[in-house]
Amino acid sequence: MDNEIFDTIKKFIVKQAAVTEIEVTECASLENDLGITGDDAVEFIIAFGKEFNVDVSKFSAAEYFEPEGDRIFPAIIRLFTGRQKAKQKDLIMKHLEKAVIAGRLDEEVINS
């Protein structure tokens, strides 16, 4: 991991997400560890793209972040229908660093 890029992204996240520096580690999940979710996550990704000149147009936030709103009603529906909740993918700090280096955030960069 490039320490200079990591430190720059870390400062950005601390400012944008109102988290402490100690919470932002290489493997920290933006949603699960740092609490960036829903509409805030979409706004964060857009701001990240602008700040670091990263193309985020092909990034599907819905695959990585829970939507805002009622979580109880969908859980009740799943209970009665037997359907499983779709597993969200994890977007971690390391993925953001890869995106800065590649100049884009998409599945190919995340999975590389």
N, C-alpha and C. Protein backbone atom coordinates (compact mmCIF):
# COMPACT_ATOMS: atom_id res chain seq x y z
N MET A 1 0.85 -1.18 0.00
CA MET A 1 0.00 0.00 0.00
C MET A 1 0.89 1.24 0.00
N ASP A 2 0.59 2.19 -0.86
CA ASP A 2 1.35 3.43 -0.97
C ASP A 2 0.96 4.34 0.20
N ASN A 3 1.89 4.57 1.13
CA ASN A 3 1.57 5.34 2.33
C ASN A 3 1.09 6.74 2.05
N GLU A 4 1.67 7.40 1.03
CA GLU A 4 1.26 8.76 0.72
C GLU A 4 -0.18 8.81 0.23
N ILE A 5 -0.53 7.91 -0.67
CA ILE A 5 -1.91 7.85 -1.17
C ILE A 5 -2.86 7.47 -0.04
N PHE A 6 -2.49 6.45 0.73
CA PHE A 6 -3.32 6.01 1.85
C PHE A 6 -3.57 7.15 2.83
N ASP A 7 -2.52 7.87 3.20
CA ASP A 7 -2.66 8.98 4.15
C ASP A 7 -3.56 10.08 3.61
N THR A 8 -3.47 10.36 2.32
CA THR A 8 -4.31 11.39 1.71
C THR A 8 -5.77 10.96 1.71
N ILE A 9 -6.03 9.69 1.36
CA ILE A 9 -7.40 9.17 1.39
C ILE A 9 -7.93 9.14 2.82
N LYS A 10 -7.07 8.75 3.74
CA LYS A 10 -7.46 8.69 5.15
C LYS A 10 -7.91 10.06 5.66
N LYS A 11 -7.14 11.10 5.34
CA LYS A 11 -7.51 12.46 5.76
C LYS A 11 -8.85 12.86 5.15
N PHE A 12 -9.06 12.50 3.89
CA PHE A 12 -10.31 12.81 3.20
C PHE A 12 -11.48 12.12 3.92
N ILE A 13 -11.32 10.85 4.26
CA ILE A 13 -12.40 10.10 4.91
C ILE A 13 -12.69 10.66 6.30
N VAL A 14 -11.65 10.98 7.06
CA VAL A 14 -11.85 11.56 8.39
C VAL A 14 -12.67 12.84 8.29
N LYS A 15 -12.37 13.64 7.29
CA LYS A 15 -13.09 14.91 7.09
C LYS A 15 -14.52 14.66 6.60
N GLN A 16 -14.69 13.78 5.63
CA GLN A 16 -16.00 13.55 5.02
C GLN A 16 -16.95 12.74 5.90
N ALA A 17 -16.42 11.74 6.60
CA ALA A 17 -17.28 10.80 7.32
C ALA A 17 -17.32 11.04 8.83
N ALA A 18 -16.59 12.02 9.29
CA ALA A 18 -16.55 12.34 10.73
C ALA A 18 -16.21 11.11 11.57
N VAL A 19 -15.15 10.43 11.17
CA VAL A 19 -14.63 9.30 11.94
C VAL A 19 -13.24 9.67 12.44
N THR A 20 -12.71 8.89 13.37
CA THR A 20 -11.38 9.16 13.87
C THR A 20 -10.34 8.47 13.00
N GLU A 21 -9.13 8.99 13.01
CA GLU A 21 -8.04 8.42 12.21
C GLU A 21 -7.78 6.97 12.55
N ILE A 22 -7.93 6.62 13.82
CA ILE A 22 -7.63 5.25 14.25
C ILE A 22 -8.61 4.24 13.63
N GLU A 23 -9.82 4.68 13.27
CA GLU A 23 -10.81 3.79 12.66
C GLU A 23 -10.49 3.47 11.20
N VAL A 24 -9.71 4.33 10.56
CA VAL A 24 -9.44 4.19 9.13
C VAL A 24 -8.17 3.36 8.92
N THR A 25 -8.37 2.07 8.71
CA THR A 25 -7.26 1.16 8.47
C THR A 25 -7.32 0.67 7.02
N GLU A 26 -6.30 -0.03 6.60
CA GLU A 26 -6.21 -0.55 5.23
C GLU A 26 -7.41 -1.43 4.86
N CYS A 27 -7.90 -2.20 5.80
CA CYS A 27 -8.99 -3.13 5.54
C CYS A 27 -10.34 -2.67 6.09
N ALA A 28 -10.43 -1.40 6.50
CA ALA A 28 -11.69 -0.88 7.04
C ALA A 28 -12.75 -0.83 5.95
N SER A 29 -13.93 -1.40 6.24
CA SER A 29 -15.06 -1.37 5.34
C SER A 29 -15.74 -0.01 5.50
N LEU A 30 -16.01 0.65 4.37
CA LEU A 30 -16.63 1.96 4.45
C LEU A 30 -17.98 1.89 5.15
N GLU A 31 -18.77 0.86 4.86
CA GLU A 31 -20.09 0.77 5.47
C GLU A 31 -20.04 0.16 6.86
N ASN A 32 -19.46 -1.02 6.99
CA ASN A 32 -19.51 -1.75 8.27
C ASN A 32 -18.63 -1.15 9.36
N ASP A 33 -17.46 -0.66 8.99
CA ASP A 33 -16.53 -0.14 10.00
C ASP A 33 -16.63 1.38 10.18
N LEU A 34 -16.88 2.09 9.08
CA LEU A 34 -16.87 3.55 9.15
C LEU A 34 -18.26 4.17 9.12
N GLY A 35 -19.28 3.35 8.92
CA GLY A 35 -20.66 3.83 9.00
C GLY A 35 -21.12 4.67 7.83
N ILE A 36 -20.46 4.56 6.69
CA ILE A 36 -20.86 5.32 5.51
C ILE A 36 -21.88 4.46 4.76
N THR A 37 -23.13 4.91 4.69
CA THR A 37 -24.19 4.09 4.10
C THR A 37 -25.25 4.95 3.43
N GLY A 38 -26.12 4.30 2.67
CA GLY A 38 -27.26 4.98 2.05
C GLY A 38 -26.88 6.14 1.16
N ASP A 39 -27.67 7.20 1.25
CA ASP A 39 -27.42 8.40 0.44
C ASP A 39 -26.07 9.03 0.76
N ASP A 40 -25.65 8.93 2.01
CA ASP A 40 -24.33 9.46 2.39
C ASP A 40 -23.21 8.76 1.63
N ALA A 41 -23.38 7.46 1.40
CA ALA A 41 -22.37 6.69 0.67
C ALA A 41 -22.27 7.17 -0.78
N VAL A 42 -23.42 7.42 -1.39
CA VAL A 42 -23.42 7.90 -2.78
C VAL A 42 -22.73 9.27 -2.85
N GLU A 43 -23.08 10.15 -1.92
CA GLU A 43 -22.45 11.48 -1.87
C GLU A 43 -20.95 11.35 -1.62
N PHE A 44 -20.57 10.41 -0.75
CA PHE A 44 -19.15 10.19 -0.46
C PHE A 44 -18.40 9.75 -1.72
N ILE A 45 -18.96 8.80 -2.45
CA ILE A 45 -18.29 8.28 -3.66
C ILE A 45 -18.14 9.39 -4.70
N ILE A 46 -19.15 10.22 -4.86
CA ILE A 46 -19.07 11.35 -5.81
C ILE A 46 -17.98 12.32 -5.37
N ALA A 47 -17.96 12.66 -4.08
CA ALA A 47 -16.94 13.57 -3.55
C ALA A 47 -15.55 12.96 -3.69
N PHE A 48 -15.43 11.66 -3.44
CA PHE A 48 -14.15 10.95 -3.60
C PHE A 48 -13.67 11.06 -5.05
N GLY A 49 -14.57 10.82 -5.98
CA GLY A 49 -14.22 10.91 -7.40
C GLY A 49 -13.71 12.29 -7.78
N LYS A 50 -14.39 13.32 -7.29
CA LYS A 50 -13.97 14.70 -7.60
C LYS A 50 -12.63 15.03 -6.94
N GLU A 51 -12.49 14.66 -5.68
CA GLU A 51 -11.28 14.99 -4.92
C GLU A 51 -10.02 14.34 -5.52
N PHE A 52 -10.16 13.10 -5.97
CA PHE A 52 -8.99 12.34 -6.44
C PHE A 52 -8.97 12.12 -7.95
N ASN A 53 -9.86 12.82 -8.66
CA ASN A 53 -9.94 12.70 -10.12
C ASN A 53 -10.10 11.24 -10.54
N VAL A 54 -11.05 10.56 -9.90
CA VAL A 54 -11.35 9.15 -10.16
C VAL A 54 -12.71 9.06 -10.83
N ASP A 55 -12.77 8.35 -11.96
CA ASP A 55 -14.04 8.13 -12.67
C ASP A 55 -14.86 7.12 -11.88
N VAL A 56 -15.99 7.55 -11.34
CA VAL A 56 -16.85 6.66 -10.55
C VAL A 56 -18.15 6.33 -11.29
N SER A 57 -18.21 6.65 -12.56
CA SER A 57 -19.45 6.49 -13.33
C SER A 57 -19.88 5.03 -13.49
N LYS A 58 -18.96 4.10 -13.39
CA LYS A 58 -19.31 2.68 -13.54
C LYS A 58 -19.37 1.94 -12.21
N PHE A 59 -19.29 2.68 -11.11
CA PHE A 59 -19.38 2.08 -9.79
C PHE A 59 -20.84 1.95 -9.38
N SER A 60 -21.25 0.75 -8.98
CA SER A 60 -22.63 0.49 -8.56
C SER A 60 -22.72 0.53 -7.04
N ALA A 61 -23.09 1.67 -6.51
CA ALA A 61 -23.17 1.84 -5.06
C ALA A 61 -24.16 0.87 -4.43
N ALA A 62 -25.23 0.52 -5.14
CA ALA A 62 -26.26 -0.37 -4.60
C ALA A 62 -25.70 -1.76 -4.27
N GLU A 63 -24.60 -2.16 -4.91
CA GLU A 63 -24.00 -3.46 -4.62
C GLU A 63 -23.13 -3.42 -3.36
N TYR A 64 -22.78 -2.23 -2.90
CA TYR A 64 -21.84 -2.09 -1.79
C TYR A 64 -22.44 -1.44 -0.54
N PHE A 65 -23.55 -0.71 -0.70
CA PHE A 65 -24.11 0.02 0.43
C PHE A 65 -25.60 -0.24 0.57
N GLU A 66 -26.04 -0.39 1.81
CA GLU A 66 -27.46 -0.56 2.11
C GLU A 66 -28.21 0.73 1.74
N PRO A 67 -29.44 0.60 1.25
CA PRO A 67 -30.23 1.80 0.97
C PRO A 67 -30.72 2.44 2.26
N GLU A 68 -31.11 3.69 2.16
CA GLU A 68 -31.69 4.37 3.31
C GLU A 68 -33.12 3.89 3.47
N GLY A 69 -33.69 4.10 4.62
CA GLY A 69 -35.10 3.81 4.80
C GLY A 69 -35.38 2.67 5.75
N ASP A 70 -36.60 2.20 5.65
CA ASP A 70 -37.12 1.17 6.56
C ASP A 70 -36.45 -0.17 6.32
N ARG A 71 -35.87 -0.73 7.36
CA ARG A 71 -35.24 -2.05 7.25
C ARG A 71 -36.12 -3.13 7.87
N ILE A 72 -37.11 -2.73 8.66
CA ILE A 72 -37.95 -3.69 9.35
C ILE A 72 -38.94 -4.36 8.39
N PHE A 73 -39.63 -3.56 7.58
CA PHE A 73 -40.62 -4.11 6.66
C PHE A 73 -40.01 -5.13 5.70
N PRO A 74 -38.88 -4.81 5.03
CA PRO A 74 -38.27 -5.82 4.16
C PRO A 74 -37.88 -7.10 4.92
N ALA A 75 -37.46 -6.97 6.17
CA ALA A 75 -37.11 -8.14 6.97
C ALA A 75 -38.34 -9.02 7.23
N ILE A 76 -39.48 -8.39 7.47
CA ILE A 76 -40.73 -9.14 7.69
C ILE A 76 -41.13 -9.87 6.41
N ILE A 77 -41.01 -9.17 5.28
CA ILE A 77 -41.33 -9.79 3.98
C ILE A 77 -40.44 -11.02 3.75
N ARG A 78 -39.14 -10.88 4.03
CA ARG A 78 -38.21 -12.01 3.85
C ARG A 78 -38.59 -13.17 4.77
N LEU A 79 -39.05 -12.86 5.98
CA LEU A 79 -39.44 -13.88 6.93
C LEU A 79 -40.58 -14.72 6.37
N PHE A 80 -41.58 -14.06 5.79
CA PHE A 80 -42.74 -14.78 5.28
C PHE A 80 -42.50 -15.43 3.92
N THR A 81 -41.61 -14.89 3.11
CA THR A 81 -41.36 -15.46 1.79
C THR A 81 -40.21 -16.45 1.79
N GLY A 82 -39.40 -16.43 2.84
CA GLY A 82 -38.26 -17.33 2.92
C GLY A 82 -37.07 -16.87 2.10
N ARG A 83 -37.15 -15.70 1.54
CA ARG A 83 -36.03 -15.19 0.73
C ARG A 83 -34.90 -14.71 1.64
N GLN A 84 -33.70 -14.87 1.14
CA GLN A 84 -32.52 -14.40 1.87
C GLN A 84 -32.23 -12.95 1.47
N LYS A 85 -31.67 -12.23 2.40
CA LYS A 85 -31.24 -10.87 2.12
C LYS A 85 -30.02 -10.94 1.21
N ALA A 86 -30.02 -10.11 0.17
CA ALA A 86 -28.88 -10.08 -0.75
C ALA A 86 -27.64 -9.60 0.00
N LYS A 87 -26.55 -10.30 -0.19
CA LYS A 87 -25.29 -9.95 0.48
C LYS A 87 -24.67 -8.73 -0.19
N GLN A 88 -24.39 -7.73 0.60
CA GLN A 88 -23.70 -6.55 0.10
C GLN A 88 -22.21 -6.87 -0.02
N LYS A 89 -21.59 -6.32 -1.04
CA LYS A 89 -20.14 -6.45 -1.17
C LYS A 89 -19.50 -5.42 -0.25
N ASP A 90 -18.27 -5.66 0.12
CA ASP A 90 -17.54 -4.72 0.98
C ASP A 90 -16.62 -3.83 0.15
N LEU A 91 -16.75 -2.53 0.33
CA LEU A 91 -15.81 -1.58 -0.26
C LEU A 91 -14.88 -1.17 0.88
N ILE A 92 -13.59 -1.47 0.71
CA ILE A 92 -12.64 -1.18 1.77
C ILE A 92 -11.63 -0.12 1.31
N MET A 93 -10.87 0.37 2.26
CA MET A 93 -9.87 1.41 1.99
C MET A 93 -8.92 1.02 0.86
N LYS A 94 -8.49 -0.24 0.86
CA LYS A 94 -7.56 -0.72 -0.15
C LYS A 94 -8.14 -0.53 -1.56
N HIS A 95 -9.47 -0.71 -1.70
CA HIS A 95 -10.12 -0.50 -2.99
C HIS A 95 -10.04 0.96 -3.43
N LEU A 96 -10.18 1.87 -2.47
CA LEU A 96 -10.10 3.29 -2.80
C LEU A 96 -8.70 3.65 -3.27
N GLU A 97 -7.70 3.06 -2.64
CA GLU A 97 -6.32 3.31 -3.07
C GLU A 97 -6.10 2.81 -4.49
N LYS A 98 -6.59 1.61 -4.78
CA LYS A 98 -6.48 1.07 -6.14
C LYS A 98 -7.16 2.00 -7.14
N ALA A 99 -8.30 2.56 -6.76
CA ALA A 99 -9.04 3.46 -7.63
C ALA A 99 -8.25 4.73 -7.93
N VAL A 100 -7.59 5.27 -6.92
CA VAL A 100 -6.78 6.48 -7.13
C VAL A 100 -5.64 6.18 -8.11
N ILE A 101 -5.01 5.04 -7.94
CA ILE A 101 -3.90 4.66 -8.81
C ILE A 101 -4.39 4.43 -10.24
N ALA A 102 -5.56 3.75 -10.39
CA ALA A 102 -6.10 3.43 -11.71
C ALA A 102 -6.84 4.59 -12.36
N GLY A 103 -7.29 5.56 -11.54
CA GLY A 103 -8.05 6.68 -12.07
C GLY A 103 -9.51 6.36 -12.30
N ARG A 104 -9.95 5.19 -11.78
CA ARG A 104 -11.36 4.81 -11.92
C ARG A 104 -11.74 3.84 -10.80
N LEU A 105 -13.03 3.82 -10.47
CA LEU A 105 -13.54 2.89 -9.47
C LEU A 105 -14.61 2.05 -10.14
N ASP A 106 -14.29 0.78 -10.36
CA ASP A 106 -15.24 -0.16 -10.96
C ASP A 106 -14.86 -1.57 -10.52
N GLU A 107 -15.65 -2.55 -10.93
CA GLU A 107 -15.43 -3.94 -10.51
C GLU A 107 -14.04 -4.45 -10.89
N GLU A 108 -13.58 -4.10 -12.07
CA GLU A 108 -12.26 -4.57 -12.53
C GLU A 108 -11.16 -4.09 -11.60
N VAL A 109 -11.21 -2.82 -11.23
CA VAL A 109 -10.20 -2.25 -10.33
C VAL A 109 -10.33 -2.87 -8.93
N ILE A 110 -11.55 -2.97 -8.42
CA ILE A 110 -11.77 -3.53 -7.09
C ILE A 110 -11.27 -4.96 -7.00
N ASN A 111 -11.51 -5.75 -8.03
CA ASN A 111 -11.15 -7.17 -8.02
C ASN A 111 -9.74 -7.47 -8.48
N SER A 112 -8.98 -6.44 -8.81
CA SER A 112 -7.60 -6.66 -9.30
C SER A 112 -6.64 -6.92 -8.17
